[in-house]
Amino acid sequence: MKVEMHTHTSETSPCAKISAKKLVNMYKNKGYDAVVITDHYSKWVMEHNHIIEPEEFTKFFLGGYHKAYKYVQDNGFDIKILLGVEVTLLEGPNDYLLYGIDEEFLYQNPLLFKMSLKKLYKLCYKNNILLVQAHPYRAYCIPADTHFLDGAEVYNGNPRHNSNNNKTYKWAKENGLIMTSGSDFHQEEDLAKGGIITQSSFDSIHQLTEILKNSNYSIITS
């Protein structure tokens, strides 16, 4: 199965230009079997949309995912829409991709961006969620303490950033981290620039998480 691991919708991410419905059509036409919606989850997104209450923010955050999922279900498309997160913590500029979350987890643990990386990692570990640093060697990022990471995005296909993917791959390999790849999709030119190809099928984000843990996949690097 061909899987996109890093995408953003215009419904939730202020920097994204493509709606959830259009995103689905674009990836379906490119032959992808699944897309993980990893919209931005941060204080910036909350303030940008003038949101105050934690529950309201969680509901807003899920908006892009919900639209994409419903669109697939209503039209019977053969593509899976899965929920993920790209969280930016208050303690620094780094971005982290979370794989294995569900809606209940987000409502029970509001405003994750207020946590330290150490506390977030412990919470994710307890809930069988993988914490993967996105583009660790991009100019504004710093490779995090690997004691509090499960993986690293070793290939980020976004054409408007130099993510220094070669450096990330070397760092991830040296530290035994799970390796992921994603397009970091925000607009049309970002389409299908990354992802993974799994060696087995899956039906949920939790099953995909187990595939990542077992290294039963290959990464797309173009």
Protein backbone atom coordinates (compact mmCIF):
# COMPACT_ATOMS: atom_id res chain seq x y z
CA MET A 1 0.00 0.00 0.00
CA LYS A 2 1.25 3.47 -0.92
CA VAL A 3 0.81 5.85 2.01
CA GLU A 4 1.25 9.61 2.36
CA MET A 5 2.45 10.33 5.92
CA HIS A 6 2.47 14.15 6.09
CA THR A 7 -0.34 16.35 4.73
CA HIS A 8 -2.19 19.53 5.65
CA THR A 9 -5.69 20.78 4.82
CA SER A 10 -6.76 24.40 4.34
CA GLU A 11 -9.67 23.82 6.73
CA THR A 12 -7.29 23.46 9.70
CA SER A 13 -3.75 24.54 8.79
CA PRO A 14 -3.53 28.30 8.08
CA CYS A 15 -0.53 27.79 5.77
CA ALA A 16 -2.23 25.14 3.59
CA LYS A 17 -3.84 26.07 0.27
CA ILE A 18 -5.72 22.86 -0.61
CA SER A 19 -9.10 21.80 0.79
CA ALA A 20 -9.66 18.36 2.26
CA LYS A 21 -11.85 17.25 -0.65
CA LYS A 22 -9.36 18.40 -3.28
CA LEU A 23 -6.54 16.71 -1.35
CA VAL A 24 -8.41 13.40 -1.47
CA ASN A 25 -8.97 13.67 -5.22
CA MET A 26 -5.35 14.58 -5.90
CA TYR A 27 -3.92 11.67 -3.94
CA LYS A 28 -6.49 9.22 -5.27
CA ASN A 29 -5.54 10.19 -8.81
CA LYS A 30 -1.87 9.67 -7.95
CA GLY A 31 -2.52 6.08 -6.90
CA TYR A 32 -2.08 6.44 -3.14
CA ASP A 33 -3.95 3.91 -0.98
CA ALA A 34 -3.93 5.96 2.22
CA VAL A 35 -3.29 9.50 3.44
CA VAL A 36 -2.49 10.52 7.01
CA ILE A 37 -3.87 14.01 7.70
CA THR A 38 -1.29 15.68 9.95
CA ASP A 39 -2.61 19.20 10.31
CA HIS A 40 -0.73 21.76 12.38
CA TYR A 41 -1.52 21.63 16.10
CA SER A 42 -0.06 24.61 17.93
CA LYS A 43 -0.70 27.75 19.94
CA TRP A 44 -0.30 29.69 16.66
CA VAL A 45 -3.21 27.81 15.04
CA MET A 46 -5.36 28.31 18.12
CA GLU A 47 -4.69 32.05 18.32
CA HIS A 48 -4.92 32.55 14.55
CA ASN A 49 -8.50 31.28 14.70
CA HIS A 50 -9.37 33.22 17.89
CA ILE A 51 -10.10 30.03 19.83
CA ILE A 52 -10.05 30.10 23.62
CA GLU A 53 -11.60 26.87 24.91
CA PRO A 54 -9.53 23.64 24.67
CA GLU A 55 -12.48 21.53 23.51
CA GLU A 56 -13.30 24.05 20.80
CA PHE A 57 -9.69 23.87 19.58
CA THR A 58 -9.78 20.08 19.41
CA LYS A 59 -13.00 20.22 17.42
CA PHE A 60 -11.49 22.80 15.07
CA PHE A 61 -8.30 20.77 14.65
CA LEU A 62 -10.28 17.72 13.55
CA GLY A 63 -12.19 19.71 10.92
CA GLY A 64 -9.94 18.99 7.94
CA TYR A 65 -9.65 15.31 8.80
CA HIS A 66 -13.42 14.99 9.23
CA LYS A 67 -14.13 16.59 5.85
CA ALA A 68 -11.65 14.36 4.06
CA TYR A 69 -12.93 11.23 5.80
CA LYS A 70 -16.59 12.03 5.13
CA TYR A 71 -15.89 12.83 1.49
CA VAL A 72 -14.29 9.41 1.01
CA GLN A 73 -17.14 7.63 2.79
CA ASP A 74 -19.88 9.50 0.92
CA ASN A 75 -18.34 8.69 -2.46
CA GLY A 76 -17.12 5.16 -1.77
CA PHE A 77 -13.55 5.97 -2.76
CA ASP A 78 -10.94 3.26 -2.30
CA ILE A 79 -8.51 5.37 -0.29
CA LYS A 80 -8.04 5.42 3.47
CA ILE A 81 -8.02 8.69 5.41
CA LEU A 82 -6.19 8.43 8.72
CA LEU A 83 -5.72 10.87 11.60
CA GLY A 84 -2.32 12.20 12.62
CA VAL A 85 -0.91 15.35 14.21
CA GLU A 86 1.97 17.73 13.57
CA VAL A 87 2.46 19.42 16.93
CA THR A 88 4.72 22.39 17.68
CA LEU A 89 5.51 22.65 21.37
CA LEU A 90 5.84 25.94 23.23
CA GLU A 91 9.35 25.01 24.36
CA GLY A 92 10.87 25.40 20.89
CA PRO A 93 10.40 25.58 17.11
CA ASN A 94 10.60 21.85 16.39
CA ASP A 95 7.66 19.99 14.83
CA TYR A 96 6.65 16.46 15.82
CA LEU A 97 4.44 14.01 13.95
CA LEU A 98 2.24 11.76 16.09
CA TYR A 99 1.05 8.46 14.64
CA GLY A 100 -1.47 6.32 16.51
CA ILE A 101 -3.69 8.99 17.99
CA ASP A 102 -7.48 8.99 17.81
CA GLU A 103 -10.15 11.57 18.53
CA GLU A 104 -10.77 10.32 22.06
CA PHE A 105 -7.10 10.79 22.92
CA LEU A 106 -7.16 14.39 21.70
CA TYR A 107 -10.26 15.26 23.70
CA GLN A 108 -8.88 13.58 26.83
CA ASN A 109 -5.49 15.29 26.49
CA PRO A 110 -6.19 18.87 25.33
CA LEU A 111 -3.58 21.42 24.32
CA LEU A 112 -0.72 18.98 23.84
CA PHE A 113 1.49 21.83 22.66
CA LYS A 114 1.82 23.05 26.26
CA MET A 115 3.71 19.89 27.26
CA SER A 116 7.46 19.43 27.28
CA LEU A 117 8.86 16.91 24.80
CA LYS A 118 9.72 14.60 27.69
CA LYS A 119 6.17 14.64 29.05
CA LEU A 120 4.64 14.29 25.60
CA TYR A 121 6.86 11.31 24.84
CA LYS A 122 5.83 9.58 28.09
CA LEU A 123 2.16 10.20 27.30
CA CYS A 124 2.56 8.88 23.77
CA TYR A 125 4.47 5.82 24.95
CA LYS A 126 1.73 5.03 27.45
CA ASN A 127 -0.88 5.22 24.69
CA ASN A 128 1.07 3.32 22.00
CA ILE A 129 1.56 6.46 19.92
CA LEU A 130 4.72 7.02 17.89
CA LEU A 131 6.46 10.38 18.26
CA VAL A 132 8.45 11.25 15.13
CA GLN A 133 10.40 14.47 14.68
CA ALA A 134 9.52 16.17 11.41
CA HIS A 135 12.39 17.53 9.26
CA PRO A 136 14.91 17.73 12.16
CA TYR A 137 17.66 19.35 10.07
CA ARG A 138 15.54 22.09 8.48
CA ALA A 139 17.10 25.51 9.16
CA TYR A 140 14.90 26.52 12.10
CA CYS A 141 14.85 23.07 13.73
CA ILE A 142 17.20 21.30 16.14
CA PRO A 143 17.48 17.49 16.32
CA ALA A 144 15.79 16.56 19.58
CA ASP A 145 17.01 14.31 22.37
CA THR A 146 16.59 10.83 20.89
CA HIS A 147 15.64 9.46 24.32
CA PHE A 148 12.27 11.16 23.72
CA LEU A 149 11.75 10.18 20.10
CA ASP A 150 10.55 7.05 18.35
CA GLY A 151 11.50 8.16 14.88
CA ALA A 152 12.50 10.85 12.43
CA GLU A 153 11.15 12.03 9.11
CA VAL A 154 14.25 11.19 7.08
CA TYR A 155 12.73 12.40 3.82
CA ASN A 156 10.61 15.54 3.61
CA GLY A 157 9.58 16.34 0.05
CA ASN A 158 8.42 19.93 0.47
CA PRO A 159 10.09 21.85 -2.41
CA ARG A 160 10.12 25.23 -0.64
CA HIS A 161 12.36 24.10 2.21
CA ASN A 162 15.79 22.54 2.40
CA SER A 163 15.20 19.83 4.98
CA ASN A 164 18.73 18.40 4.67
CA ASN A 165 17.28 14.92 4.33
CA ASN A 166 20.69 13.26 3.99
CA LYS A 167 21.74 14.57 7.40
CA THR A 168 18.49 13.36 8.95
CA TYR A 169 18.87 9.88 7.44
CA LYS A 170 22.40 9.54 8.83
CA TRP A 171 21.32 10.78 12.27
CA ALA A 172 18.28 8.49 12.39
CA LYS A 173 20.33 5.48 11.34
CA GLU A 174 23.03 6.15 13.92
CA ASN A 175 20.40 6.39 16.67
CA GLY A 176 18.21 3.46 15.60
CA LEU A 177 15.14 5.61 14.99
CA ILE A 178 12.09 4.63 12.97
CA MET A 179 12.35 6.33 9.57
CA THR A 180 9.43 7.99 7.80
CA SER A 181 8.94 9.97 4.61
CA GLY A 182 6.29 12.53 3.73
CA SER A 183 5.44 15.17 1.17
CA ASP A 184 4.64 17.87 3.76
CA PHE A 185 1.75 18.70 1.44
CA HIS A 186 0.43 22.27 1.58
CA GLN A 187 -0.21 23.18 -2.06
CA GLU A 188 -0.35 21.66 -5.53
CA GLU A 189 3.39 21.52 -6.20
CA ASP A 190 3.86 19.38 -3.06
CA LEU A 191 1.73 16.50 -4.32
CA ALA A 192 3.14 12.97 -3.97
CA LYS A 193 6.67 14.02 -3.04
CA GLY A 194 7.06 11.38 -0.32
CA GLY A 195 5.45 8.63 1.72
CA ILE A 196 5.98 4.94 2.39
CA ILE A 197 5.10 1.68 0.70
CA THR A 198 3.97 -1.02 3.10
CA GLN A 199 4.51 -4.72 2.62
CA SER A 200 1.12 -5.56 4.12
CA SER A 201 -2.35 -4.03 4.15
CA PHE A 202 -3.96 -2.21 7.08
CA ASP A 203 -7.31 -0.69 8.02
CA SER A 204 -6.48 1.76 10.81
CA ILE A 205 -3.83 4.18 12.02
CA HIS A 206 -3.09 1.77 14.87
CA GLN A 207 -2.29 -1.02 12.41
CA LEU A 208 -0.12 1.38 10.41
CA THR A 209 1.73 2.24 13.62
CA GLU A 210 2.56 -1.45 14.12
CA ILE A 211 3.87 -1.63 10.54
CA LEU A 212 6.18 1.30 11.31
CA LYS A 213 7.40 -0.39 14.49
CA ASN A 214 8.14 -3.61 12.64
CA SER A 215 9.90 -1.85 9.74
CA ASN A 216 7.62 -3.67 7.30
CA TYR A 217 7.78 -0.92 4.67
CA SER A 218 10.05 1.11 2.40
CA ILE A 219 10.31 4.89 2.16
CA ILE A 220 9.58 7.00 -0.92
CA THR A 221 12.33 9.52 -1.66
CA SER A 222 11.12 11.34 -4.75
